[in-house]
Amino acid sequence: MTTMSHICIRVLNLEKSIAFYKENLGLTIQREISMPDRGWELVFLGDGTTDYQLELCKETARTEPYALGDDTPHIGLVAQDFDELKAKHKAAGLIFDELNGTIYFIKDPDGHILEILPPK
């Protein structure tokens, strides 16, 4: 049996992405790894409640945005304070899609889709 550990996404601007996830979703830095021999800077974000993490990977030599494709995967996040967070995201103009008022979608600075769900 395996357990879930993390998901990795590539980002163009590490500082901008860290700020986005902290300010808009409350995620905080759990650990950082510098891999200059590979040309990567890695930052793992977490919610402080579960062990599951979001790994932000910055290719240090990259200067062009990533092409995410037509069938872009998304990251699902459960918001314990769903109504409050939704109001914050709506006021910031981040919501680009909503399904029956129960879940909604925002994008991070690199265009990764984030699905925000209410608690079960």
PDB file of N, CA and C in Angstrom:
ATOM      1  N   MET A   1       0.841  -1.185   0.000  1.00  0.00           N
ATOM      2  CA  MET A   1       0.000   0.000   0.000  1.00  0.00           C
ATOM      3  C   MET A   1       0.884   1.245   0.000  1.00  0.00           C
ATOM      4  N   THR A   2       0.417   2.273  -0.646  1.00  0.00           N
ATOM      5  CA  THR A   2       1.118   3.554  -0.637  1.00  0.00           C
ATOM      6  C   THR A   2       0.211   4.618  -0.043  1.00  0.00           C
ATOM      7  N   THR A   3       0.809   5.716   0.365  1.00  0.00           N
ATOM      8  CA  THR A   3       0.040   6.860   0.838  1.00  0.00           C
ATOM      9  C   THR A   3       0.447   8.080   0.028  1.00  0.00           C
ATOM     10  N   MET A   4      -0.394   9.062  -0.033  1.00  0.00           N
ATOM     11  CA  MET A   4      -0.142  10.268  -0.801  1.00  0.00           C
ATOM     12  C   MET A   4       0.895  11.127  -0.079  1.00  0.00           C
ATOM     13  N   SER A   5       1.824  11.704  -0.847  1.00  0.00           N
ATOM     14  CA  SER A   5       2.893  12.520  -0.283  1.00  0.00           C
ATOM     15  C   SER A   5       2.803  13.968  -0.747  1.00  0.00           C
ATOM     16  N   HIS A   6       2.871  14.174  -2.082  1.00  0.00           N
ATOM     17  CA  HIS A   6       2.865  15.535  -2.602  1.00  0.00           C
ATOM     18  C   HIS A   6       2.549  15.541  -4.092  1.00  0.00           C
ATOM     19  N   ILE A   7       2.295  16.711  -4.597  1.00  0.00           N
ATOM     20  CA  ILE A   7       2.154  16.938  -6.023  1.00  0.00           C
ATOM     21  C   ILE A   7       3.133  18.047  -6.385  1.00  0.00           C
ATOM     22  N   CYS A   8       3.769  17.927  -7.546  1.00  0.00           N
ATOM     23  CA  CYS A   8       4.753  18.915  -7.984  1.00  0.00           C
ATOM     24  C   CYS A   8       4.213  19.684  -9.184  1.00  0.00           C
ATOM     25  N   ILE A   9       4.343  20.993  -9.131  1.00  0.00           N
ATOM     26  CA  ILE A   9       4.029  21.825 -10.289  1.00  0.00           C
ATOM     27  C   ILE A   9       5.223  22.726 -10.572  1.00  0.00           C
ATOM     28  N   ARG A  10       5.436  23.044 -11.828  1.00  0.00           N
ATOM     29  CA  ARG A  10       6.525  23.926 -12.240  1.00  0.00           C
ATOM     30  C   ARG A  10       6.024  25.359 -12.201  1.00  0.00           C
ATOM     31  N   VAL A  11       6.844  26.248 -11.663  1.00  0.00           N
ATOM     32  CA  VAL A  11       6.480  27.660 -11.582  1.00  0.00           C
ATOM     33  C   VAL A  11       7.612  28.505 -12.161  1.00  0.00           C
ATOM     34  N   LEU A  12       7.244  29.646 -12.710  1.00  0.00           N
ATOM     35  CA  LEU A  12       8.226  30.527 -13.321  1.00  0.00           C
ATOM     36  C   LEU A  12       8.861  31.465 -12.302  1.00  0.00           C
ATOM     37  N   ASN A  13       8.051  31.958 -11.361  1.00  0.00           N
ATOM     38  CA  ASN A  13       8.533  32.906 -10.355  1.00  0.00           C
ATOM     39  C   ASN A  13       8.206  32.336  -8.977  1.00  0.00           C
ATOM     40  N   LEU A  14       9.201  31.789  -8.330  1.00  0.00           N
ATOM     41  CA  LEU A  14       9.001  31.099  -7.053  1.00  0.00           C
ATOM     42  C   LEU A  14       8.429  32.025  -5.987  1.00  0.00           C
ATOM     43  N   GLU A  15       8.973  33.214  -5.852  1.00  0.00           N
ATOM     44  CA  GLU A  15       8.507  34.150  -4.818  1.00  0.00           C
ATOM     45  C   GLU A  15       7.048  34.548  -5.041  1.00  0.00           C
ATOM     46  N   LYS A  16       6.688  34.810  -6.291  1.00  0.00           N
ATOM     47  CA  LYS A  16       5.308  35.186  -6.622  1.00  0.00           C
ATOM     48  C   LYS A  16       4.350  34.033  -6.313  1.00  0.00           C
ATOM     49  N   SER A  17       4.766  32.814  -6.637  1.00  0.00           N
ATOM     50  CA  SER A  17       3.921  31.647  -6.383  1.00  0.00           C
ATOM     51  C   SER A  17       3.767  31.380  -4.887  1.00  0.00           C
ATOM     52  N   ILE A  18       4.843  31.488  -4.140  1.00  0.00           N
ATOM     53  CA  ILE A  18       4.767  31.304  -2.684  1.00  0.00           C
ATOM     54  C   ILE A  18       3.799  32.312  -2.082  1.00  0.00           C
ATOM     55  N   ALA A  19       3.930  33.568  -2.493  1.00  0.00           N
ATOM     56  CA  ALA A  19       3.040  34.618  -1.980  1.00  0.00           C
ATOM     57  C   ALA A  19       1.586  34.318  -2.333  1.00  0.00           C
ATOM     58  N   PHE A  20       1.320  33.872  -3.566  1.00  0.00           N
ATOM     59  CA  PHE A  20      -0.045  33.559  -3.990  1.00  0.00           C
ATOM     60  C   PHE A  20      -0.650  32.473  -3.107  1.00  0.00           C
ATOM     61  N   TYR A  21       0.061  31.388  -2.935  1.00  0.00           N
ATOM     62  CA  TYR A  21      -0.473  30.263  -2.155  1.00  0.00           C
ATOM     63  C   TYR A  21      -0.612  30.610  -0.673  1.00  0.00           C
ATOM     64  N   LYS A  22       0.255  31.453  -0.161  1.00  0.00           N
ATOM     65  CA  LYS A  22       0.151  31.883   1.233  1.00  0.00           C
ATOM     66  C   LYS A  22      -1.023  32.836   1.415  1.00  0.00           C
ATOM     67  N   GLU A  23      -1.096  33.868   0.582  1.00  0.00           N
ATOM     68  CA  GLU A  23      -2.128  34.898   0.731  1.00  0.00           C
ATOM     69  C   GLU A  23      -3.524  34.413   0.382  1.00  0.00           C
ATOM     70  N   ASN A  24      -3.641  33.559  -0.629  1.00  0.00           N
ATOM     71  CA  ASN A  24      -4.960  33.155  -1.105  1.00  0.00           C
ATOM     72  C   ASN A  24      -5.451  31.817  -0.575  1.00  0.00           C
ATOM     73  N   LEU A  25      -4.546  30.972  -0.092  1.00  0.00           N
ATOM     74  CA  LEU A  25      -4.962  29.653   0.378  1.00  0.00           C
ATOM     75  C   LEU A  25      -4.403  29.278   1.741  1.00  0.00           C
ATOM     76  N   GLY A  26      -3.594  30.144   2.334  1.00  0.00           N
ATOM     77  CA  GLY A  26      -3.092  29.899   3.678  1.00  0.00           C
ATOM     78  C   GLY A  26      -2.023  28.826   3.782  1.00  0.00           C
ATOM     79  N   LEU A  27      -1.437  28.410   2.661  1.00  0.00           N
ATOM     80  CA  LEU A  27      -0.377  27.406   2.704  1.00  0.00           C
ATOM     81  C   LEU A  27       0.932  28.059   3.120  1.00  0.00           C
ATOM     82  N   THR A  28       1.757  27.320   3.842  1.00  0.00           N
ATOM     83  CA  THR A  28       3.025  27.858   4.323  1.00  0.00           C
ATOM     84  C   THR A  28       4.180  26.937   3.937  1.00  0.00           C
ATOM     85  N   ILE A  29       5.367  27.503   3.910  1.00  0.00           N
ATOM     86  CA  ILE A  29       6.557  26.737   3.552  1.00  0.00           C
ATOM     87  C   ILE A  29       6.841  25.698   4.623  1.00  0.00           C
ATOM     88  N   GLN A  30       6.997  24.445   4.191  1.00  0.00           N
ATOM     89  CA  GLN A  30       7.322  23.344   5.082  1.00  0.00           C
ATOM     90  C   GLN A  30       8.804  22.983   4.996  1.00  0.00           C
ATOM     91  N   ARG A  31       9.351  23.064   3.783  1.00  0.00           N
ATOM     92  CA  ARG A  31      10.777  22.823   3.583  1.00  0.00           C
ATOM     93  C   ARG A  31      11.190  23.340   2.216  1.00  0.00           C
ATOM     94  N   GLU A  32      12.495  23.554   2.060  1.00  0.00           N
ATOM     95  CA  GLU A  32      13.064  24.043   0.809  1.00  0.00           C
ATOM     96  C   GLU A  32      14.289  23.204   0.469  1.00  0.00           C
ATOM     97  N   ILE A  33      14.461  22.935  -0.824  1.00  0.00           N
ATOM     98  CA  ILE A  33      15.613  22.169  -1.293  1.00  0.00           C
ATOM     99  C   ILE A  33      16.215  22.885  -2.498  1.00  0.00           C
ATOM    100  N   SER A  34      17.505  23.150  -2.432  1.00  0.00           N
ATOM    101  CA  SER A  34      18.215  23.735  -3.561  1.00  0.00           C
ATOM    102  C   SER A  34      18.998  22.626  -4.245  1.00  0.00           C
ATOM    103  N   MET A  35      18.815  22.501  -5.550  1.00  0.00           N
ATOM    104  CA  MET A  35      19.513  21.466  -6.319  1.00  0.00           C
ATOM    105  C   MET A  35      20.230  22.123  -7.508  1.00  0.00           C
ATOM    106  N   PRO A  36      21.293  22.882  -7.245  1.00  0.00           N
ATOM    107  CA  PRO A  36      21.973  23.597  -8.325  1.00  0.00           C
ATOM    108  C   PRO A  36      22.531  22.685  -9.417  1.00  0.00           C
ATOM    109  N   ASP A  37      22.916  21.455  -9.064  1.00  0.00           N
ATOM    110  CA  ASP A  37      23.421  20.521 -10.071  1.00  0.00           C
ATOM    111  C   ASP A  37      22.335  20.105 -11.063  1.00  0.00           C
ATOM    112  N   ARG A  38      21.095  20.170 -10.649  1.00  0.00           N
ATOM    113  CA  ARG A  38      19.951  19.859 -11.513  1.00  0.00           C
ATOM    114  C   ARG A  38      19.302  21.116 -12.093  1.00  0.00           C
ATOM    115  N   GLY A  39      19.649  22.279 -11.530  1.00  0.00           N
ATOM    116  CA  GLY A  39      19.038  23.516 -11.988  1.00  0.00           C
ATOM    117  C   GLY A  39      17.644  23.739 -11.439  1.00  0.00           C
ATOM    118  N   TRP A  40      17.388  23.225 -10.231  1.00  0.00           N
ATOM    119  CA  TRP A  40      16.065  23.340  -9.619  1.00  0.00           C
ATOM    120  C   TRP A  40      16.155  23.992  -8.248  1.00  0.00           C
ATOM    121  N   GLU A  41      15.124  24.741  -7.920  1.00  0.00           N
ATOM    122  CA  GLU A  41      14.853  25.214  -6.563  1.00  0.00           C
ATOM    123  C   GLU A  41      13.474  24.669  -6.216  1.00  0.00           C
ATOM    124  N   LEU A  42      13.368  23.974  -5.099  1.00  0.00           N
ATOM    125  CA  LEU A  42      12.111  23.349  -4.697  1.00  0.00           C
ATOM    126  C   LEU A  42      11.632  23.930  -3.379  1.00  0.00           C
ATOM    127  N   VAL A  43      10.343  24.225  -3.329  1.00  0.00           N
ATOM    128  CA  VAL A  43       9.716  24.683  -2.089  1.00  0.00           C
ATOM    129  C   VAL A  43       8.457  23.852  -1.889  1.00  0.00           C
ATOM    130  N   PHE A  44       8.354  23.248  -0.710  1.00  0.00           N
ATOM    131  CA  PHE A  44       7.196  22.431  -0.369  1.00  0.00           C
ATOM    132  C   PHE A  44       6.280  23.236   0.549  1.00  0.00           C
ATOM    133  N   LEU A  45       5.020  23.366   0.143  1.00  0.00           N
ATOM    134  CA  LEU A  45       4.025  24.094   0.929  1.00  0.00           C
ATOM    135  C   LEU A  45       3.069  23.102   1.567  1.00  0.00           C
ATOM    136  N   GLY A  46       2.578  23.448   2.738  1.00  0.00           N
ATOM    137  CA  GLY A  46       1.617  22.590   3.417  1.00  0.00           C
ATOM    138  C   GLY A  46       0.561  23.392   4.141  1.00  0.00           C
ATOM    139  N   ASP A  47      -0.450  22.669   4.614  1.00  0.00           N
ATOM    140  CA  ASP A  47      -1.547  23.322   5.324  1.00  0.00           C
ATOM    141  C   ASP A  47      -1.383  23.272   6.834  1.00  0.00           C
ATOM    142  N   GLY A  48      -0.366  22.568   7.318  1.00  0.00           N
ATOM    143  CA  GLY A  48      -0.149  22.470   8.761  1.00  0.00           C
ATOM    144  C   GLY A  48      -1.067  21.471   9.447  1.00  0.00           C
ATOM    145  N   THR A  49      -1.955  20.848   8.694  1.00  0.00           N
ATOM    146  CA  THR A  49      -2.892  19.886   9.261  1.00  0.00           C
ATOM    147  C   THR A  49      -2.619  18.481   8.735  1.00  0.00           C
ATOM    148  N   THR A  50      -2.445  18.366   7.431  1.00  0.00           N
ATOM    149  CA  THR A  50      -2.164  17.068   6.816  1.00  0.00           C
ATOM    150  C   THR A  50      -0.693  17.009   6.419  1.00  0.00           C
ATOM    151  N   ASP A  51      -0.236  15.829   6.064  1.00  0.00           N
ATOM    152  CA  ASP A  51       1.141  15.657   5.615  1.00  0.00           C
ATOM    153  C   ASP A  51       1.300  15.914   4.125  1.00  0.00           C
ATOM    154  N   TYR A  52       0.197  15.987   3.395  1.00  0.00           N
ATOM    155  CA  TYR A  52       0.238  16.172   1.949  1.00  0.00           C
ATOM    156  C   TYR A  52       0.784  17.566   1.619  1.00  0.00           C
ATOM    157  N   GLN A  53       1.664  17.647   0.615  1.00  0.00           N
ATOM    158  CA  GLN A  53       2.301  18.921   0.294  1.00  0.00           C
ATOM    159  C   GLN A  53       2.214  19.253  -1.187  1.00  0.00           C
ATOM    160  N   LEU A  54       2.315  20.537  -1.459  1.00  0.00           N
ATOM    161  CA  LEU A  54       2.397  21.064  -2.814  1.00  0.00           C
ATOM    162  C   LEU A  54       3.846  21.470  -3.043  1.00  0.00           C
ATOM    163  N   GLU A  55       4.494  20.821  -3.994  1.00  0.00           N
ATOM    164  CA  GLU A  55       5.884  21.130  -4.318  1.00  0.00           C
ATOM    165  C   GLU A  55       5.919  22.116  -5.477  1.00  0.00           C
ATOM    166  N   LEU A  56       6.512  23.277  -5.242  1.00  0.00           N
ATOM    167  CA  LEU A  56       6.730  24.256  -6.298  1.00  0.00           C
ATOM    168  C   LEU A  56       8.144  24.053  -6.808  1.00  0.00           C
ATOM    169  N   CYS A  57       8.284  23.811  -8.104  1.00  0.00           N
ATOM    170  CA  CYS A  57       9.594  23.552  -8.697  1.00  0.00           C
ATOM    171  C   CYS A  57       9.932  24.686  -9.667  1.00  0.00           C
ATOM    172  N   LYS A  58      11.004  25.376  -9.387  1.00  0.00           N
ATOM    173  CA  LYS A  58      11.498  26.445 -10.250  1.00  0.00           C
ATOM    174  C   LYS A  58      12.747  25.937 -10.964  1.00  0.00           C
ATOM    175  N   GLU A  59      12.682  25.872 -12.302  1.00  0.00           N
ATOM    176  CA  GLU A  59      13.872  25.571 -13.088  1.00  0.00           C
ATOM    177  C   GLU A  59      14.643  26.878 -13.181  1.00  0.00           C
ATOM    178  N   THR A  60      15.820  26.915 -12.576  1.00  0.00           N
ATOM    179  CA  THR A  60      16.543  28.189 -12.410  1.00  0.00           C
ATOM    180  C   THR A  60      16.897  28.875 -13.722  1.00  0.00           C
ATOM    181  N   ALA A  61      17.099  28.141 -14.786  1.00  0.00           N
ATOM    182  CA  ALA A  61      17.474  28.752 -16.066  1.00  0.00           C
ATOM    183  C   ALA A  61      16.270  29.141 -16.920  1.00  0.00           C
ATOM    184  N   ARG A  62      15.087  28.737 -16.533  1.00  0.00           N
ATOM    185  CA  ARG A  62      13.898  28.985 -17.356  1.00  0.00           C
ATOM    186  C   ARG A  62      13.426  30.428 -17.236  1.00  0.00           C
ATOM    187  N   THR A  63      13.099  31.027 -18.390  1.00  0.00           N
ATOM    188  CA  THR A  63      12.603  32.404 -18.420  1.00  0.00           C
ATOM    189  C   THR A  63      11.249  32.515 -19.122  1.00  0.00           C
ATOM    190  N   GLU A  64      10.817  31.456 -19.790  1.00  0.00           N
ATOM    191  CA  GLU A  64       9.547  31.472 -20.525  1.00  0.00           C
ATOM    192  C   GLU A  64       8.467  30.713 -19.757  1.00  0.00           C
ATOM    193  N   PRO A  65       7.230  31.208 -19.792  1.00  0.00           N
ATOM    194  CA  PRO A  65       6.135  30.495 -19.116  1.00  0.00           C
ATOM    195  C   PRO A  65       5.955  29.084 -19.684  1.00  0.00           C
ATOM    196  N   TYR A  66       5.402  28.204 -18.878  1.00  0.00           N
ATOM    197  CA  TYR A  66       5.118  26.845 -19.297  1.00  0.00           C
ATOM    198  C   TYR A  66       3.848  26.805 -20.140  1.00  0.00           C
ATOM    199  N   ALA A  67       3.815  25.930 -21.137  1.00  0.00           N
ATOM    200  CA  ALA A  67       2.600  25.672 -21.914  1.00  0.00           C
ATOM    201  C   ALA A  67       1.864  24.545 -21.195  1.00  0.00           C
ATOM    202  N   LEU A  68       0.713  24.853 -20.639  1.00  0.00           N
ATOM    203  CA  LEU A  68       0.003  23.872 -19.819  1.00  0.00           C
ATOM    204  C   LEU A  68      -0.851  22.906 -20.623  1.00  0.00           C
ATOM    205  N   GLY A  69      -1.161  23.220 -21.869  1.00  0.00           N
ATOM    206  CA  GLY A  69      -1.946  22.309 -22.704  1.00  0.00           C
ATOM    207  C   GLY A  69      -3.434  22.527 -22.583  1.00  0.00           C
ATOM    208  N   ASP A  70      -4.168  21.813 -23.428  1.00  0.00           N
ATOM    209  CA  ASP A  70      -5.627  21.965 -23.470  1.00  0.00           C
ATOM    210  C   ASP A  70      -6.336  21.202 -22.362  1.00  0.00           C
ATOM    211  N   ASP A  71      -5.781  20.092 -21.933  1.00  0.00           N
ATOM    212  CA  ASP A  71      -6.414  19.273 -20.912  1.00  0.00           C
ATOM    213  C   ASP A  71      -5.622  19.393 -19.611  1.00  0.00           C
ATOM    214  N   THR A  72      -5.566  20.609 -19.102  1.00  0.00           N
ATOM    215  CA  THR A  72      -4.769  20.894 -17.924  1.00  0.00           C
ATOM    216  C   THR A  72      -5.355  20.216 -16.696  1.00  0.00           C
ATOM    217  N   PRO A  73      -4.544  19.451 -15.969  1.00  0.00           N
ATOM    218  CA  PRO A  73      -5.024  18.877 -14.711  1.00  0.00           C
ATOM    219  C   PRO A  73      -5.256  19.981 -13.679  1.00  0.00           C
ATOM    220  N   HIS A  74      -5.911  19.637 -12.595  1.00  0.00           N
ATOM    221  CA  HIS A  74      -6.145  20.623 -11.554  1.00  0.00           C
ATOM    222  C   HIS A  74      -5.834  20.020 -10.189  1.00  0.00           C
ATOM    223  N   ILE A  75      -5.704  20.914  -9.218  1.00  0.00           N
ATOM    224  CA  ILE A  75      -5.424  20.521  -7.840  1.00  0.00           C
ATOM    225  C   ILE A  75      -6.677  20.831  -7.026  1.00  0.00           C
ATOM    226  N   GLY A  76      -7.187  19.838  -6.330  1.00  0.00           N
ATOM    227  CA  GLY A  76      -8.366  20.022  -5.491  1.00  0.00           C
ATOM    228  C   GLY A  76      -7.965  20.347  -4.057  1.00  0.00           C
ATOM    229  N   LEU A  77      -8.562  21.403  -3.524  1.00  0.00           N
ATOM    230  CA  LEU A  77      -8.273  21.841  -2.158  1.00  0.00           C
ATOM    231  C   LEU A  77      -9.578  22.011  -1.390  1.00  0.00           C
ATOM    232  N   VAL A  78      -9.652  21.436  -0.201  1.00  0.00           N
ATOM    233  CA  VAL A  78     -10.828  21.593   0.655  1.00  0.00           C
ATOM    234  C   VAL A  78     -10.612  22.803   1.548  1.00  0.00           C
ATOM    235  N   ALA A  79     -11.575  23.717   1.546  1.00  0.00           N
ATOM    236  CA  ALA A  79     -11.498  24.926   2.368  1.00  0.00           C
ATOM    237  C   ALA A  79     -12.426  24.782   3.567  1.00  0.00           C
ATOM    238  N   GLN A  80     -11.857  24.713   4.763  1.00  0.00           N
ATOM    239  CA  GLN A  80     -12.662  24.589   5.975  1.00  0.00           C
ATOM    240  C   GLN A  80     -13.529  25.840   6.178  1.00  0.00           C
ATOM    241  N   ASP A  81     -13.007  26.997   5.743  1.00  0.00           N
ATOM    242  CA  ASP A  81     -13.723  28.268   5.830  1.00  0.00           C
ATOM    243  C   ASP A  81     -14.221  28.656   4.433  1.00  0.00           C
ATOM    244  N   PHE A  82     -14.920  27.733   3.787  1.00  0.00           N
ATOM    245  CA  PHE A  82     -15.296  27.839   2.380  1.00  0.00           C
ATOM    246  C   PHE A  82     -15.962  29.172   2.026  1.00  0.00           C
ATOM    247  N   ASP A  83     -17.009  29.559   2.740  1.00  0.00           N
ATOM    248  CA  ASP A  83     -17.743  30.776   2.389  1.00  0.00           C
ATOM    249  C   ASP A  83     -16.871  32.026   2.512  1.00  0.00           C
ATOM    250  N   GLU A  84     -16.072  32.085   3.558  1.00  0.00           N
ATOM    251  CA  GLU A  84     -15.176  33.226   3.762  1.00  0.00           C
ATOM    252  C   GLU A  84     -14.108  33.285   2.664  1.00  0.00           C
ATOM    253  N   LEU A  85     -13.526  32.124   2.352  1.00  0.00           N
ATOM    254  CA  LEU A  85     -12.491  32.083   1.322  1.00  0.00           C
ATOM    255  C   LEU A  85     -13.074  32.408  -0.051  1.00  0.00           C
ATOM    256  N   LYS A  86     -14.260  31.907  -0.320  1.00  0.00           N
ATOM    257  CA  LYS A  86     -14.911  32.189  -1.604  1.00  0.00           C
ATOM    258  C   LYS A  86     -15.169  33.687  -1.751  1.00  0.00           C
ATOM    259  N   ALA A  87     -15.625  34.320  -0.693  1.00  0.00           N
ATOM    260  CA  ALA A  87     -15.860  35.772  -0.737  1.00  0.00           C
ATOM    261  C   ALA A  87     -14.548  36.517  -0.999  1.00  0.00           C
ATOM    262  N   LYS A  88     -13.481  36.079  -0.367  1.00  0.00           N
ATOM    263  CA  LYS A  88     -12.168  36.700  -0.577  1.00  0.00           C
ATOM    264  C   LYS A  88     -11.715  36.537  -2.025  1.00  0.00           C
ATOM    265  N   HIS A  89     -11.838  35.329  -2.558  1.00  0.00           N
ATOM    266  CA  HIS A  89     -11.432  35.073  -3.937  1.00  0.00           C
ATOM    267  C   HIS A  89     -12.302  35.819  -4.939  1.00  0.00           C
ATOM    268  N   LYS A  90     -13.599  35.927  -4.629  1.00  0.00           N
ATOM    269  CA  LYS A  90     -14.515  36.666  -5.506  1.00  0.00           C
ATOM    270  C   LYS A  90     -14.142  38.149  -5.523  1.00  0.00           C
ATOM    271  N   ALA A  91     -13.874  38.706  -4.352  1.00  0.00           N
ATOM    272  CA  ALA A  91     -13.493  40.124  -4.260  1.00  0.00           C
ATOM    273  C   ALA A  91     -12.184  40.405  -4.990  1.00  0.00           C
ATOM    274  N   ALA A  92     -11.289  39.418  -5.006  1.00  0.00           N
ATOM    275  CA  ALA A  92     -10.001  39.583  -5.685  1.00  0.00           C
ATOM    276  C   ALA A  92     -10.093  39.290  -7.180  1.00  0.00           C
ATOM    277  N   GLY A  93     -11.270  38.867  -7.649  1.00  0.00           N
ATOM    278  CA  GLY A  93     -11.454  38.568  -9.066  1.00  0.00           C
ATOM    279  C   GLY A  93     -10.758  37.289  -9.512  1.00  0.00           C
ATOM    280  N   LEU A  94     -10.538  36.359  -8.595  1.00  0.00           N
ATOM    281  CA  LEU A  94      -9.813  35.135  -8.922  1.00  0.00           C
ATOM    282  C   LEU A  94     -10.704  34.017  -9.474  1.00  0.00           C
ATOM    283  N   ILE A  95     -11.986  34.030  -9.170  1.00  0.00           N
ATOM    284  CA  ILE A  95     -12.873  32.940  -9.592  1.00  0.00           C
ATOM    285  C   ILE A  95     -13.173  33.061 -11.084  1.00  0.00           C
ATOM    286  N   PHE A  96     -12.876  31.982 -11.830  1.00  0.00           N
ATOM    287  CA  PHE A  96     -13.174  32.007 -13.261  1.00  0.00           C
ATOM    288  C   PHE A  96     -14.256  31.004 -13.650  1.00  0.00           C
ATOM    289  N   ASP A  97     -14.626  30.104 -12.740  1.00  0.00           N
ATOM    290  CA  ASP A  97     -15.695  29.150 -13.010  1.00  0.00           C
ATOM    291  C   ASP A  97     -16.267  28.677 -11.676  1.00  0.00           C
ATOM    292  N   GLU A  98     -17.559  28.327 -11.713  1.00  0.00           N
ATOM    293  CA  GLU A  98     -18.237  27.880 -10.501  1.00  0.00           C
ATOM    294  C   GLU A  98     -19.286  26.855 -10.887  1.00  0.00           C
ATOM    295  N   LEU A  99     -19.433  25.804 -10.081  1.00  0.00           N
ATOM    296  CA  LEU A  99     -20.413  24.765 -10.360  1.00  0.00           C
ATOM    297  C   LEU A  99     -21.494  24.761  -9.292  1.00  0.00           C
ATOM    298  N   ASN A 100     -22.679  25.176  -9.673  1.00  0.00           N
ATOM    299  CA  ASN A 100     -23.853  25.145  -8.789  1.00  0.00           C
ATOM    300  C   ASN A 100     -23.617  25.769  -7.417  1.00  0.00           C
ATOM    301  N   GLY A 101     -22.699  26.699  -7.315  1.00  0.00           N
ATOM    302  CA  GLY A 101     -22.432  27.365  -6.047  1.00  0.00           C
ATOM    303  C   GLY A 101     -21.750  26.493  -5.011  1.00  0.00           C
ATOM    304  N   THR A 102     -21.366  25.258  -5.395  1.00  0.00           N
ATOM    305  CA  THR A 102     -20.780  24.350  -4.413  1.00  0.00           C
ATOM    306  C   THR A 102     -19.265  24.266  -4.503  1.00  0.00           C
ATOM    307  N   ILE A 103     -18.717  24.365  -5.687  1.00  0.00           N
ATOM    308  CA  ILE A 103     -17.266  24.391  -5.856  1.00  0.00           C
ATOM    309  C   ILE A 103     -16.930  25.485  -6.858  1.00  0.00           C
ATOM    310  N   TYR A 104     -15.699  25.963  -6.808  1.00  0.00           N
ATOM    311  CA  TYR A 104     -15.283  26.973  -7.772  1.00  0.00           C
ATOM    312  C   TYR A 104     -13.819  26.790  -8.109  1.00  0.00           C
ATOM    313  N   PHE A 105     -13.393  27.508  -9.141  1.00  0.00           N
ATOM    314  CA  PHE A 105     -12.047  27.353  -9.661  1.00  0.00           C
ATOM    315  C   PHE A 105     -11.335  28.702  -9.748  1.00  0.00           C
ATOM    316  N   ILE A 106     -10.035  28.682  -9.380  1.00  0.00           N
ATOM    317  CA  ILE A 106      -9.168  29.850  -9.538  1.00  0.00           C
ATOM    318  C   ILE A 106      -7.887  29.357 -10.217  1.00  0.00           C
ATOM    319  N   LYS A 107      -7.052  30.295 -10.664  1.00  0.00           N
ATOM    320  CA  LYS A 107      -5.767  29.938 -11.259  1.00  0.00           C
ATOM    321  C   LYS A 107      -4.652  30.619 -10.485  1.00  0.00           C
ATOM    322  N   ASP A 108      -3.523  29.922 -10.372  1.00  0.00           N
ATOM    323  CA  ASP A 108      -2.352  30.518  -9.735  1.00  0.00           C
ATOM    324  C   ASP A 108      -1.603  31.382 -10.759  1.00  0.00           C
ATOM    325  N   PRO A 109      -0.515  32.037 -10.371  1.00  0.00           N
ATOM    326  CA  PRO A 109       0.185  32.934 -11.302  1.00  0.00           C
ATOM    327  C   PRO A 109       0.705  32.256 -12.572  1.00  0.00           C
ATOM    328  N   ASP A 110       0.882  30.930 -12.555  1.00  0.00           N
ATOM    329  CA  ASP A 110       1.358  30.219 -13.737  1.00  0.00           C
ATOM    330  C   ASP A 110       0.224  29.586 -14.533  1.00  0.00           C
ATOM    331  N   GLY A 111      -1.011  29.799 -14.116  1.00  0.00           N
ATOM    332  CA  GLY A 111      -2.162  29.270 -14.834  1.00  0.00           C
ATOM    333  C   GLY A 111      -2.618  27.893 -14.393  1.00  0.00           C
ATOM    334  N   HIS A 112      -2.028  27.339 -13.318  1.00  0.00           N
ATOM    335  CA  HIS A 112      -2.488  26.055 -12.796  1.00  0.00           C
ATOM    336  C   HIS A 112      -3.880  26.236 -12.201  1.00  0.00           C
ATOM    337  N   ILE A 113      -4.762  25.304 -12.516  1.00  0.00           N
ATOM    338  CA  ILE A 113      -6.143  25.383 -12.048  1.00  0.00           C
ATOM    339  C   ILE A 113      -6.259  24.780 -10.655  1.00  0.00           C
ATOM    340  N   LEU A 114      -6.920  25.514  -9.766  1.00  0.00           N
ATOM    341  CA  LEU A 114      -7.152  25.073  -8.395  1.00  0.00           C
ATOM    342  C   LEU A 114      -8.659  24.973  -8.168  1.00  0.00           C
ATOM    343  N   GLU A 115      -9.126  23.797  -7.797  1.00  0.00           N
ATOM    344  CA  GLU A 115     -10.537  23.572  -7.491  1.00  0.00           C
ATOM    345  C   GLU A 115     -10.712  23.705  -5.983  1.00  0.00           C
ATOM    346  N   ILE A 116     -11.588  24.605  -5.572  1.00  0.00           N
ATOM    347  CA  ILE A 116     -11.833  24.840  -4.143  1.00  0.00           C
ATOM    348  C   ILE A 116     -13.168  24.182  -3.778  1.00  0.00           C
ATOM    349  N   LEU A 117     -13.093  23.281  -2.802  1.00  0.00           N
ATOM    350  CA  LEU A 117     -14.278  22.516  -2.383  1.00  0.00           C
ATOM    351  C   LEU A 117     -14.636  22.834  -0.939  1.00  0.00           C
ATOM    352  N   PRO A 118     -15.925  22.743  -0.602  1.00  0.00           N
ATOM    353  CA  PRO A 118     -16.322  22.919   0.806  1.00  0.00           C
ATOM    354  C   PRO A 118     -15.990  21.657   1.596  1.00  0.00           C
ATOM    355  N   PRO A 119     -15.932  21.766   2.920  1.00  0.00           N
ATOM    356  CA  PRO A 119     -15.691  20.569   3.730  1.00  0.00           C
ATOM    357  C   PRO A 119     -16.851  19.596   3.593  1.00  0.00           C
ATOM    358  N   LYS A 120     -16.559  18.330   3.821  1.00  0.00           N
ATOM    359  CA  LYS A 120     -17.614  17.288   3.692  1.00  0.00           C
ATOM    360  C   LYS A 120     -18.433  17.225   4.938  1.00  0.00           C
TER     361      LYS A 120
END
